[in-house]
Amino acid sequence: MALWRLYYHFVWATRERRDLIAPEMEPDLYGYIIGKGVALGAIMHAIGGTSNHIHVVSSVPPTRSIADFVKGIKGSSAHHINHCPVRYPFTFGWQGGYGVFSLGRKQLDDAVSYVLRQKEHHAQGTVIAALEEQSQDDDGPDVWQDGEAIRQFPVKQMARTDESEEEDS
């Protein structure tokens, strides 16, 4: 295993951003998500949310892709809620897409605090807008300084490859 210090802040919404997460559902849903995250090899730092979206702060190991981690949690947690012994009076589901933000170790405590106080932040209007974003589209970061730091190197044109293809290390 490699040395890794990876911290992520995830956010995703319920289907059609409907108010599906009632307070009495949170222990079951959140407990399941924490357990699934651990089963996927992650360190789960915090979980919290409101009736229509959740935030998760987690360290996902470099052996697992972010997309697979989120897909595993979203899909299995919806299935769990829809098939658990306590029947909820609706079909539960997550909206497509998610937001993911990388954190430095120094930001971890603030991220955990923010996630744990989600209801308070939304009630008081003190949300951090950038950390509430999620998208169904691929919305990556901008190129730093228009590529200034890499402009000196000739770019080798290559065909796109499937991410699952292995490369020599």
N, C-alpha and C. Protein backbone atom coordinates (compact mmCIF):
# COMPACT_ATOMS: atom_id res chain seq x y z
N MET A 1 0.86 -1.19 0.00
CA MET A 1 0.00 0.00 0.00
C MET A 1 0.88 1.22 0.00
N ALA A 2 0.42 2.23 -0.64
CA ALA A 2 1.14 3.51 -0.73
C ALA A 2 0.86 4.35 0.52
N LEU A 3 1.72 5.32 0.73
CA LEU A 3 1.47 6.35 1.75
C LEU A 3 0.36 7.24 1.20
N TRP A 4 -0.69 7.48 1.97
CA TRP A 4 -1.78 8.32 1.48
C TRP A 4 -2.39 9.14 2.60
N ARG A 5 -2.68 10.39 2.24
CA ARG A 5 -3.38 11.34 3.11
C ARG A 5 -4.42 12.03 2.23
N LEU A 6 -5.50 11.35 1.98
CA LEU A 6 -6.53 11.82 1.06
C LEU A 6 -7.81 12.10 1.83
N TYR A 7 -8.31 13.31 1.74
CA TYR A 7 -9.51 13.71 2.46
C TYR A 7 -10.48 14.32 1.45
N TYR A 8 -11.72 13.85 1.48
CA TYR A 8 -12.71 14.31 0.53
C TYR A 8 -14.00 14.73 1.24
N HIS A 9 -14.64 15.74 0.68
CA HIS A 9 -15.95 16.18 1.12
C HIS A 9 -16.91 15.88 -0.03
N PHE A 10 -17.86 14.99 0.21
CA PHE A 10 -18.85 14.60 -0.80
C PHE A 10 -20.19 15.20 -0.46
N VAL A 11 -20.98 15.48 -1.48
CA VAL A 11 -22.37 15.92 -1.30
C VAL A 11 -23.21 15.34 -2.43
N TRP A 12 -24.39 14.81 -2.09
CA TRP A 12 -25.33 14.39 -3.11
C TRP A 12 -26.75 14.51 -2.57
N ALA A 13 -27.68 14.59 -3.51
CA ALA A 13 -29.07 14.89 -3.17
C ALA A 13 -29.98 13.69 -3.37
N THR A 14 -31.12 13.75 -2.73
CA THR A 14 -32.17 12.76 -2.95
C THR A 14 -32.75 12.96 -4.35
N ARG A 15 -33.44 11.94 -4.85
CA ARG A 15 -34.05 12.02 -6.18
C ARG A 15 -34.98 13.23 -6.25
N GLU A 16 -34.79 14.01 -7.28
CA GLU A 16 -35.56 15.24 -7.51
C GLU A 16 -35.47 16.20 -6.33
N ARG A 17 -34.46 16.03 -5.54
CA ARG A 17 -34.20 16.84 -4.34
C ARG A 17 -35.44 16.92 -3.44
N ARG A 18 -36.14 15.79 -3.38
CA ARG A 18 -37.33 15.71 -2.53
C ARG A 18 -36.92 15.51 -1.08
N ASP A 19 -37.78 15.91 -0.17
CA ASP A 19 -37.53 15.77 1.27
C ASP A 19 -37.82 14.34 1.69
N LEU A 20 -36.85 13.45 1.47
CA LEU A 20 -37.03 12.03 1.74
C LEU A 20 -36.36 11.57 3.03
N ILE A 21 -35.42 12.34 3.54
CA ILE A 21 -34.65 11.89 4.71
C ILE A 21 -35.26 12.52 5.97
N ALA A 22 -36.12 11.78 6.62
CA ALA A 22 -36.74 12.23 7.86
C ALA A 22 -35.76 11.98 9.01
N PRO A 23 -35.84 12.77 10.07
CA PRO A 23 -34.92 12.58 11.20
C PRO A 23 -34.92 11.14 11.74
N GLU A 24 -36.09 10.48 11.76
CA GLU A 24 -36.13 9.11 12.27
C GLU A 24 -35.45 8.11 11.34
N MET A 25 -35.23 8.49 10.07
CA MET A 25 -34.53 7.62 9.11
C MET A 25 -33.01 7.77 9.22
N GLU A 26 -32.54 8.90 9.71
CA GLU A 26 -31.10 9.19 9.69
C GLU A 26 -30.23 8.12 10.35
N PRO A 27 -30.57 7.61 11.54
CA PRO A 27 -29.69 6.59 12.14
C PRO A 27 -29.52 5.36 11.24
N ASP A 28 -30.61 4.91 10.63
CA ASP A 28 -30.55 3.75 9.76
C ASP A 28 -29.74 4.06 8.49
N LEU A 29 -30.08 5.15 7.82
CA LEU A 29 -29.41 5.53 6.58
C LEU A 29 -27.94 5.86 6.82
N TYR A 30 -27.68 6.72 7.78
CA TYR A 30 -26.30 7.14 8.04
C TYR A 30 -25.45 5.98 8.55
N GLY A 31 -26.04 5.15 9.41
CA GLY A 31 -25.30 3.99 9.91
C GLY A 31 -24.95 3.04 8.78
N TYR A 32 -25.88 2.85 7.84
CA TYR A 32 -25.61 1.99 6.70
C TYR A 32 -24.49 2.58 5.84
N ILE A 33 -24.57 3.87 5.55
CA ILE A 33 -23.56 4.51 4.71
C ILE A 33 -22.18 4.43 5.36
N ILE A 34 -22.10 4.64 6.66
CA ILE A 34 -20.82 4.53 7.36
C ILE A 34 -20.28 3.11 7.22
N GLY A 35 -21.12 2.12 7.47
CA GLY A 35 -20.69 0.73 7.36
C GLY A 35 -20.23 0.36 5.96
N LYS A 36 -20.97 0.84 4.95
CA LYS A 36 -20.60 0.55 3.56
C LYS A 36 -19.28 1.22 3.20
N GLY A 37 -19.10 2.47 3.65
CA GLY A 37 -17.84 3.16 3.39
C GLY A 37 -16.65 2.40 3.97
N VAL A 38 -16.80 1.93 5.19
CA VAL A 38 -15.73 1.16 5.83
C VAL A 38 -15.49 -0.15 5.05
N ALA A 39 -16.57 -0.80 4.63
CA ALA A 39 -16.44 -2.03 3.85
C ALA A 39 -15.72 -1.79 2.53
N LEU A 40 -15.83 -0.57 1.99
CA LEU A 40 -15.14 -0.22 0.74
C LEU A 40 -13.70 0.24 1.01
N GLY A 41 -13.26 0.18 2.25
CA GLY A 41 -11.88 0.50 2.59
C GLY A 41 -11.63 1.93 2.99
N ALA A 42 -12.69 2.72 3.12
CA ALA A 42 -12.53 4.14 3.44
C ALA A 42 -12.50 4.36 4.95
N ILE A 43 -11.99 5.51 5.32
CA ILE A 43 -12.08 6.00 6.69
C ILE A 43 -13.20 7.04 6.65
N MET A 44 -14.24 6.81 7.43
CA MET A 44 -15.38 7.72 7.44
C MET A 44 -15.20 8.70 8.59
N HIS A 45 -15.10 9.98 8.25
CA HIS A 45 -14.86 11.02 9.26
C HIS A 45 -16.15 11.66 9.77
N ALA A 46 -17.12 11.90 8.88
CA ALA A 46 -18.37 12.56 9.30
C ALA A 46 -19.44 12.35 8.25
N ILE A 47 -20.68 12.39 8.72
CA ILE A 47 -21.84 12.35 7.83
C ILE A 47 -22.92 13.24 8.44
N GLY A 48 -23.63 13.94 7.60
CA GLY A 48 -24.71 14.80 8.06
C GLY A 48 -25.46 15.34 6.87
N GLY A 49 -26.58 15.96 7.12
CA GLY A 49 -27.33 16.50 6.00
C GLY A 49 -28.65 17.08 6.43
N THR A 50 -29.51 17.22 5.45
CA THR A 50 -30.85 17.73 5.67
C THR A 50 -31.83 16.72 5.07
N SER A 51 -33.06 17.12 4.92
CA SER A 51 -34.07 16.20 4.41
C SER A 51 -33.89 15.86 2.94
N ASN A 52 -33.09 16.65 2.21
CA ASN A 52 -32.97 16.41 0.77
C ASN A 52 -31.55 16.23 0.25
N HIS A 53 -30.56 16.21 1.12
CA HIS A 53 -29.20 15.93 0.66
C HIS A 53 -28.31 15.56 1.85
N ILE A 54 -27.19 14.92 1.54
CA ILE A 54 -26.24 14.58 2.60
C ILE A 54 -24.83 15.01 2.21
N HIS A 55 -24.00 15.13 3.25
CA HIS A 55 -22.58 15.40 3.11
C HIS A 55 -21.83 14.27 3.80
N VAL A 56 -20.73 13.86 3.23
CA VAL A 56 -19.87 12.84 3.81
C VAL A 56 -18.43 13.34 3.72
N VAL A 57 -17.70 13.26 4.83
CA VAL A 57 -16.27 13.54 4.81
C VAL A 57 -15.58 12.20 5.02
N SER A 58 -14.72 11.84 4.09
CA SER A 58 -14.14 10.51 4.10
C SER A 58 -12.74 10.53 3.49
N SER A 59 -11.94 9.56 3.90
CA SER A 59 -10.65 9.30 3.26
C SER A 59 -10.81 8.02 2.46
N VAL A 60 -10.74 8.14 1.16
CA VAL A 60 -10.90 7.00 0.26
C VAL A 60 -9.51 6.57 -0.18
N PRO A 61 -9.17 5.29 -0.02
CA PRO A 61 -7.82 4.86 -0.36
C PRO A 61 -7.53 4.98 -1.86
N PRO A 62 -6.28 5.13 -2.22
CA PRO A 62 -5.93 5.29 -3.64
C PRO A 62 -6.20 4.06 -4.48
N THR A 63 -6.51 2.93 -3.85
CA THR A 63 -6.84 1.72 -4.59
C THR A 63 -8.29 1.71 -5.07
N ARG A 64 -9.08 2.68 -4.64
CA ARG A 64 -10.49 2.75 -5.02
C ARG A 64 -10.76 4.07 -5.73
N SER A 65 -11.45 4.03 -6.84
CA SER A 65 -11.79 5.28 -7.54
C SER A 65 -12.91 5.99 -6.79
N ILE A 66 -12.90 7.31 -6.88
CA ILE A 66 -13.95 8.12 -6.25
C ILE A 66 -15.32 7.73 -6.83
N ALA A 67 -15.40 7.57 -8.13
CA ALA A 67 -16.67 7.23 -8.78
C ALA A 67 -17.21 5.89 -8.26
N ASP A 68 -16.35 4.89 -8.13
CA ASP A 68 -16.79 3.59 -7.63
C ASP A 68 -17.22 3.67 -6.16
N PHE A 69 -16.52 4.47 -5.38
CA PHE A 69 -16.86 4.65 -3.97
C PHE A 69 -18.27 5.25 -3.84
N VAL A 70 -18.53 6.34 -4.55
CA VAL A 70 -19.83 7.00 -4.47
C VAL A 70 -20.92 6.10 -5.03
N LYS A 71 -20.66 5.46 -6.15
CA LYS A 71 -21.64 4.56 -6.76
C LYS A 71 -22.00 3.43 -5.79
N GLY A 72 -20.99 2.87 -5.13
CA GLY A 72 -21.23 1.79 -4.18
C GLY A 72 -22.09 2.23 -3.01
N ILE A 73 -21.82 3.41 -2.51
CA ILE A 73 -22.59 3.91 -1.36
C ILE A 73 -24.01 4.31 -1.77
N LYS A 74 -24.13 5.07 -2.84
CA LYS A 74 -25.46 5.55 -3.23
C LYS A 74 -26.38 4.38 -3.61
N GLY A 75 -25.88 3.49 -4.45
CA GLY A 75 -26.72 2.38 -4.90
C GLY A 75 -27.13 1.45 -3.78
N SER A 76 -26.19 1.06 -2.96
CA SER A 76 -26.51 0.10 -1.91
C SER A 76 -27.33 0.72 -0.79
N SER A 77 -27.12 2.00 -0.51
CA SER A 77 -27.90 2.62 0.57
C SER A 77 -29.36 2.81 0.14
N ALA A 78 -29.61 3.15 -1.13
CA ALA A 78 -30.99 3.25 -1.61
C ALA A 78 -31.65 1.88 -1.56
N HIS A 79 -30.93 0.86 -1.98
CA HIS A 79 -31.46 -0.50 -1.93
C HIS A 79 -31.76 -0.89 -0.48
N HIS A 80 -30.86 -0.57 0.42
CA HIS A 80 -31.05 -0.89 1.84
C HIS A 80 -32.33 -0.24 2.38
N ILE A 81 -32.50 1.04 2.14
CA ILE A 81 -33.68 1.73 2.65
C ILE A 81 -34.96 1.16 2.05
N ASN A 82 -34.93 0.82 0.76
CA ASN A 82 -36.13 0.30 0.11
C ASN A 82 -36.45 -1.14 0.49
N HIS A 83 -35.48 -1.84 1.10
CA HIS A 83 -35.70 -3.25 1.45
C HIS A 83 -35.48 -3.55 2.93
N CYS A 84 -35.35 -2.53 3.75
CA CYS A 84 -35.08 -2.77 5.17
C CYS A 84 -36.37 -3.17 5.90
N PRO A 85 -36.22 -3.81 7.06
CA PRO A 85 -37.40 -4.26 7.82
C PRO A 85 -38.36 -3.12 8.17
N VAL A 86 -37.83 -1.94 8.47
CA VAL A 86 -38.69 -0.79 8.73
C VAL A 86 -39.07 -0.23 7.36
N ARG A 87 -40.32 -0.35 6.99
CA ARG A 87 -40.75 0.13 5.67
C ARG A 87 -41.07 1.60 5.74
N TYR A 88 -40.46 2.34 4.86
CA TYR A 88 -40.77 3.76 4.74
C TYR A 88 -41.87 3.90 3.69
N PRO A 89 -42.73 4.89 3.81
CA PRO A 89 -43.92 4.99 2.94
C PRO A 89 -43.65 5.57 1.56
N PHE A 90 -42.47 5.35 1.02
CA PHE A 90 -42.13 5.88 -0.29
C PHE A 90 -40.96 5.08 -0.84
N THR A 91 -40.69 5.28 -2.12
CA THR A 91 -39.51 4.67 -2.72
C THR A 91 -38.37 5.66 -2.61
N PHE A 92 -37.29 5.24 -1.97
CA PHE A 92 -36.15 6.11 -1.75
C PHE A 92 -35.19 6.02 -2.93
N GLY A 93 -34.56 7.13 -3.26
CA GLY A 93 -33.55 7.13 -4.31
C GLY A 93 -32.70 8.38 -4.25
N TRP A 94 -31.53 8.28 -4.82
CA TRP A 94 -30.62 9.41 -4.91
C TRP A 94 -30.68 9.99 -6.31
N GLN A 95 -30.47 11.27 -6.41
CA GLN A 95 -30.35 11.95 -7.70
C GLN A 95 -29.03 11.51 -8.34
N GLY A 96 -28.97 11.53 -9.66
CA GLY A 96 -27.71 11.23 -10.34
C GLY A 96 -26.69 12.30 -10.04
N GLY A 97 -25.43 11.96 -10.06
CA GLY A 97 -24.36 12.91 -9.83
C GLY A 97 -24.04 13.14 -8.37
N TYR A 98 -22.99 13.92 -8.15
CA TYR A 98 -22.53 14.24 -6.80
C TYR A 98 -21.50 15.34 -6.90
N GLY A 99 -21.17 15.91 -5.77
CA GLY A 99 -20.07 16.86 -5.69
C GLY A 99 -18.96 16.22 -4.87
N VAL A 100 -17.73 16.47 -5.22
CA VAL A 100 -16.59 15.99 -4.44
C VAL A 100 -15.53 17.08 -4.42
N PHE A 101 -15.02 17.33 -3.22
CA PHE A 101 -14.03 18.38 -3.02
C PHE A 101 -12.88 17.78 -2.23
N SER A 102 -11.66 18.01 -2.68
CA SER A 102 -10.51 17.51 -1.94
C SER A 102 -10.16 18.49 -0.83
N LEU A 103 -9.68 17.95 0.26
CA LEU A 103 -9.31 18.74 1.42
C LEU A 103 -7.87 18.48 1.80
N GLY A 104 -7.25 19.44 2.42
CA GLY A 104 -5.96 19.23 3.06
C GLY A 104 -6.19 18.83 4.50
N ARG A 105 -5.22 18.24 5.14
CA ARG A 105 -5.37 17.81 6.54
C ARG A 105 -5.80 18.97 7.44
N LYS A 106 -5.29 20.17 7.16
CA LYS A 106 -5.63 21.33 7.99
C LYS A 106 -7.09 21.75 7.83
N GLN A 107 -7.75 21.33 6.77
CA GLN A 107 -9.16 21.66 6.54
C GLN A 107 -10.11 20.61 7.09
N LEU A 108 -9.58 19.49 7.53
CA LEU A 108 -10.42 18.36 7.94
C LEU A 108 -11.33 18.71 9.12
N ASP A 109 -10.80 19.33 10.15
CA ASP A 109 -11.62 19.66 11.32
C ASP A 109 -12.78 20.59 10.95
N ASP A 110 -12.52 21.59 10.13
CA ASP A 110 -13.57 22.51 9.71
C ASP A 110 -14.62 21.80 8.85
N ALA A 111 -14.18 20.89 7.98
CA ALA A 111 -15.12 20.16 7.13
C ALA A 111 -16.02 19.26 7.98
N VAL A 112 -15.43 18.57 8.95
CA VAL A 112 -16.21 17.71 9.83
C VAL A 112 -17.23 18.54 10.60
N SER A 113 -16.81 19.67 11.14
CA SER A 113 -17.72 20.54 11.89
C SER A 113 -18.86 21.03 10.99
N TYR A 114 -18.54 21.42 9.77
CA TYR A 114 -19.55 21.90 8.83
C TYR A 114 -20.58 20.81 8.53
N VAL A 115 -20.11 19.61 8.31
CA VAL A 115 -21.01 18.50 7.98
C VAL A 115 -21.89 18.15 9.18
N LEU A 116 -21.32 18.10 10.35
CA LEU A 116 -22.10 17.74 11.54
C LEU A 116 -23.16 18.79 11.89
N ARG A 117 -22.98 20.01 11.42
CA ARG A 117 -23.91 21.10 11.73
C ARG A 117 -24.74 21.51 10.52
N GLN A 118 -24.99 20.58 9.62
CA GLN A 118 -25.74 20.89 8.40
C GLN A 118 -27.10 21.50 8.66
N LYS A 119 -27.89 20.91 9.52
CA LYS A 119 -29.23 21.44 9.78
C LYS A 119 -29.16 22.87 10.30
N GLU A 120 -28.23 23.11 11.20
CA GLU A 120 -28.04 24.46 11.76
C GLU A 120 -27.64 25.45 10.67
N HIS A 121 -26.69 25.07 9.82
CA HIS A 121 -26.26 25.97 8.74
C HIS A 121 -27.41 26.32 7.80
N HIS A 122 -28.22 25.33 7.45
CA HIS A 122 -29.34 25.59 6.54
C HIS A 122 -30.41 26.43 7.22
N ALA A 123 -30.67 26.19 8.48
CA ALA A 123 -31.68 26.96 9.20
C ALA A 123 -31.27 28.42 9.37
N GLN A 124 -29.96 28.64 9.58
CA GLN A 124 -29.46 30.00 9.82
C GLN A 124 -28.98 30.71 8.56
N GLY A 125 -28.98 30.00 7.44
CA GLY A 125 -28.50 30.61 6.20
C GLY A 125 -27.00 30.82 6.17
N THR A 126 -26.26 29.96 6.87
CA THR A 126 -24.80 30.09 6.93
C THR A 126 -24.09 28.98 6.14
N VAL A 127 -24.76 28.48 5.10
CA VAL A 127 -24.14 27.42 4.30
C VAL A 127 -22.97 28.00 3.49
N ILE A 128 -22.04 27.16 3.15
CA ILE A 128 -20.94 27.52 2.25
C ILE A 128 -21.37 27.03 0.87
N ALA A 129 -21.77 27.94 0.04
CA ALA A 129 -22.38 27.59 -1.25
C ALA A 129 -21.54 26.62 -2.07
N ALA A 130 -20.24 26.82 -2.11
CA ALA A 130 -19.38 25.94 -2.91
C ALA A 130 -19.41 24.50 -2.42
N LEU A 131 -19.68 24.28 -1.13
CA LEU A 131 -19.71 22.93 -0.59
C LEU A 131 -21.10 22.31 -0.66
N GLU A 132 -22.05 23.03 -1.21
CA GLU A 132 -23.40 22.51 -1.36
C GLU A 132 -23.66 22.09 -2.80
N GLU A 133 -22.69 22.30 -3.68
CA GLU A 133 -22.88 22.02 -5.09
C GLU A 133 -22.71 20.55 -5.40
N GLN A 134 -23.54 20.08 -6.31
CA GLN A 134 -23.40 18.74 -6.87
C GLN A 134 -23.95 18.82 -8.27
N SER A 135 -23.50 17.93 -9.12
CA SER A 135 -23.90 18.01 -10.52
C SER A 135 -24.02 16.62 -11.11
N GLN A 136 -24.91 16.50 -12.08
CA GLN A 136 -25.00 15.26 -12.84
C GLN A 136 -24.05 15.29 -14.02
N ASP A 137 -23.52 16.47 -14.32
CA ASP A 137 -22.60 16.62 -15.44
C ASP A 137 -21.17 16.59 -14.93
N ASP A 138 -20.24 16.31 -15.82
CA ASP A 138 -18.82 16.35 -15.47
C ASP A 138 -18.41 17.81 -15.45
N ASP A 139 -18.13 18.33 -14.29
CA ASP A 139 -17.79 19.75 -14.12
C ASP A 139 -16.46 19.84 -13.39
N GLY A 140 -15.38 19.62 -14.12
CA GLY A 140 -14.04 19.58 -13.52
C GLY A 140 -13.47 20.97 -13.26
N PRO A 141 -12.30 20.99 -12.66
CA PRO A 141 -11.66 22.28 -12.35
C PRO A 141 -11.13 22.96 -13.61
N ASP A 142 -10.87 24.25 -13.49
CA ASP A 142 -10.27 25.00 -14.58
C ASP A 142 -8.77 24.68 -14.64
N VAL A 143 -8.20 24.87 -15.81
CA VAL A 143 -6.75 24.69 -15.98
C VAL A 143 -6.04 25.85 -15.29
N TRP A 144 -5.05 25.55 -14.47
CA TRP A 144 -4.34 26.57 -13.72
C TRP A 144 -3.60 27.52 -14.66
N GLN A 145 -3.84 28.79 -14.49
CA GLN A 145 -3.16 29.86 -15.25
C GLN A 145 -3.11 29.56 -16.74
N ASP A 146 -4.20 29.00 -17.25
CA ASP A 146 -4.29 28.70 -18.69
C ASP A 146 -3.17 27.78 -19.17
N GLY A 147 -2.68 26.91 -18.32
CA GLY A 147 -1.65 25.96 -18.70
C GLY A 147 -0.23 26.50 -18.64
N GLU A 148 -0.05 27.63 -18.02
CA GLU A 148 1.25 28.31 -17.96
C GLU A 148 2.38 27.39 -17.48
N ALA A 149 2.12 26.58 -16.46
CA ALA A 149 3.18 25.76 -15.86
C ALA A 149 3.61 24.60 -16.73
N ILE A 150 2.81 24.24 -17.73
CA ILE A 150 3.18 23.09 -18.57
C ILE A 150 3.40 23.47 -20.03
N ARG A 151 3.27 24.73 -20.35
CA ARG A 151 3.36 25.18 -21.73
C ARG A 151 4.73 24.89 -22.36
N GLN A 152 5.76 24.82 -21.56
CA GLN A 152 7.12 24.63 -22.08
C GLN A 152 7.36 23.22 -22.63
N PHE A 153 6.46 22.30 -22.34
CA PHE A 153 6.66 20.91 -22.77
C PHE A 153 5.80 20.59 -23.97
N PRO A 154 6.39 19.94 -24.99
CA PRO A 154 5.58 19.56 -26.15
C PRO A 154 4.61 18.44 -25.74
N VAL A 155 3.36 18.62 -26.05
CA VAL A 155 2.34 17.64 -25.68
C VAL A 155 2.30 16.53 -26.70
N LYS A 156 2.35 15.32 -26.24
CA LYS A 156 2.24 14.14 -27.11
C LYS A 156 0.75 13.82 -27.26
N GLN A 157 0.25 13.83 -28.48
CA GLN A 157 -1.15 13.52 -28.73
C GLN A 157 -1.35 12.01 -28.65
N MET A 158 -2.34 11.60 -27.88
CA MET A 158 -2.63 10.17 -27.69
C MET A 158 -4.12 9.95 -27.78
N ALA A 159 -4.48 8.74 -28.12
CA ALA A 159 -5.90 8.38 -28.11
C ALA A 159 -6.34 8.22 -26.66
N ARG A 160 -7.58 8.58 -26.39
CA ARG A 160 -8.11 8.38 -25.04
C ARG A 160 -8.11 6.89 -24.74
N THR A 161 -7.82 6.57 -23.49
CA THR A 161 -7.82 5.16 -23.09
C THR A 161 -8.88 4.94 -22.04
N ASP A 162 -9.30 3.70 -21.94
CA ASP A 162 -10.25 3.31 -20.91
C ASP A 162 -9.52 3.36 -19.57
N GLU A 163 -10.17 3.94 -18.55
CA GLU A 163 -9.54 4.07 -17.24
C GLU A 163 -9.18 2.72 -16.64
N SER A 164 -9.88 1.67 -17.06
CA SER A 164 -9.61 0.37 -16.46
C SER A 164 -8.37 -0.31 -17.06
N GLU A 165 -7.83 0.23 -18.14
CA GLU A 165 -6.63 -0.34 -18.71
C GLU A 165 -5.47 -0.15 -17.77
N GLU A 166 -4.69 -1.19 -17.60
CA GLU A 166 -3.54 -1.08 -16.70
C GLU A 166 -2.34 -0.55 -17.46
N GLU A 167 -1.53 0.24 -16.76
CA GLU A 167 -0.33 0.77 -17.35
C GLU A 167 0.88 0.27 -16.55
N ASP A 168 2.03 0.28 -17.18
CA ASP A 168 3.24 -0.11 -16.45
C ASP A 168 3.52 0.91 -15.38
N SER A 169 3.94 0.44 -14.19
CA SER A 169 4.26 1.39 -13.12
C SER A 169 5.74 1.52 -12.93
